[in-house]
Amino acid sequence: MIKEVQHNSSMIKGSSYNEETRTLTVRFMNDSEYVYDEIEPEVYERFVSAESTGRAFNENLKSRVGTKIEK
C-alpha cells in the first residue's frame, strides 16, 4: 500500500510512502524529488505526524542518502 500526503510546509510539498518496499519519496517546494530507501514505518510516522515537517525531515531523514528523481 502506498500512502500519499500533502504537507503544509515551506520546504516540503508532499510525500509518498510504499509500505511494501519501505521507500519514501519526498517532493520539495523547488519541484525536486528524492527517494529514500529502507525507511522504517516508525520513522515515516514521525515524519508525517510532526508539527514541523521540515524539522522532522532534518532530524530523521536528511542524513540518509536519497536518490534524486530526474525529470
Protein backbone atom coordinates (compact mmCIF):
# COMPACT_ATOMS: atom_id res chain seq x y z
CA MET A 1 0.00 0.00 0.00
CA ILE A 2 1.24 3.48 -0.87
CA LYS A 3 0.36 6.37 1.40
CA GLU A 4 0.42 9.88 -0.11
CA VAL A 5 0.47 13.05 1.99
CA GLN A 6 0.38 16.74 1.10
CA HIS A 7 2.42 18.76 3.58
CA ASN A 8 1.82 22.24 4.94
CA SER A 9 5.48 23.19 4.87
CA SER A 10 7.66 25.88 3.36
CA MET A 11 10.21 23.19 2.48
CA ILE A 12 8.26 20.06 1.51
CA LYS A 13 5.31 19.88 -0.88
CA GLY A 14 4.36 16.24 -0.44
CA SER A 15 5.49 12.70 0.14
CA SER A 16 4.51 9.13 -0.57
CA TYR A 17 5.49 6.02 1.35
CA ASN A 18 5.43 2.48 -0.01
CA GLU A 19 4.91 0.13 2.93
CA GLU A 20 5.94 -2.96 0.97
CA THR A 21 9.28 -1.65 -0.27
CA ARG A 22 9.80 0.79 2.65
CA THR A 23 10.67 3.61 0.25
CA LEU A 24 9.77 7.25 0.86
CA THR A 25 9.52 9.77 -1.96
CA VAL A 26 9.75 13.41 -0.89
CA ARG A 27 8.69 16.27 -3.19
CA PHE A 28 10.27 19.57 -2.26
CA MET A 29 8.91 23.06 -2.95
CA ASN A 30 11.53 23.58 -5.69
CA ASP A 31 9.92 20.59 -7.50
CA SER A 32 12.87 18.27 -6.91
CA GLU A 33 12.03 14.73 -5.79
CA TYR A 34 14.15 12.28 -3.84
CA VAL A 35 13.59 8.63 -2.97
CA TYR A 36 14.85 7.30 0.36
CA ASP A 37 15.21 3.53 0.78
CA GLU A 38 14.85 1.37 3.87
CA ILE A 39 12.71 3.84 5.82
CA GLU A 40 11.22 2.13 8.85
CA PRO A 41 7.45 2.62 9.32
CA GLU A 42 8.00 4.36 12.67
CA VAL A 43 10.37 6.88 11.05
CA TYR A 44 7.76 7.58 8.37
CA GLU A 45 5.04 8.04 11.02
CA ARG A 46 7.22 10.52 12.94
CA PHE A 47 7.82 12.42 9.71
CA VAL A 48 4.18 12.75 8.64
CA SER A 49 2.75 13.40 12.09
CA ALA A 50 5.31 16.01 13.16
CA GLU A 51 4.25 19.54 13.97
CA SER A 52 7.06 20.77 11.69
CA THR A 53 7.60 18.64 8.58
CA GLY A 54 10.88 20.40 7.74
CA ARG A 55 12.27 19.84 11.23
CA ALA A 56 11.18 16.19 11.16
CA PHE A 57 12.87 15.75 7.78
CA ASN A 58 16.09 17.32 9.08
CA GLU A 59 16.09 15.20 12.23
CA ASN A 60 15.09 11.85 10.70
CA LEU A 61 15.88 11.78 7.01
CA LYS A 62 18.39 14.42 5.92
CA SER A 63 21.41 12.35 6.94
CA ARG A 64 20.26 9.43 4.76
CA VAL A 65 21.30 9.21 1.15
CA GLY A 66 18.42 9.91 -1.18
CA THR A 67 18.30 9.29 -4.90
CA LYS A 68 17.21 12.25 -6.97
CA ILE A 69 14.47 11.54 -9.49
CA GLU A 70 15.46 13.16 -12.77
CA LYS A 71 12.60 14.69 -14.72
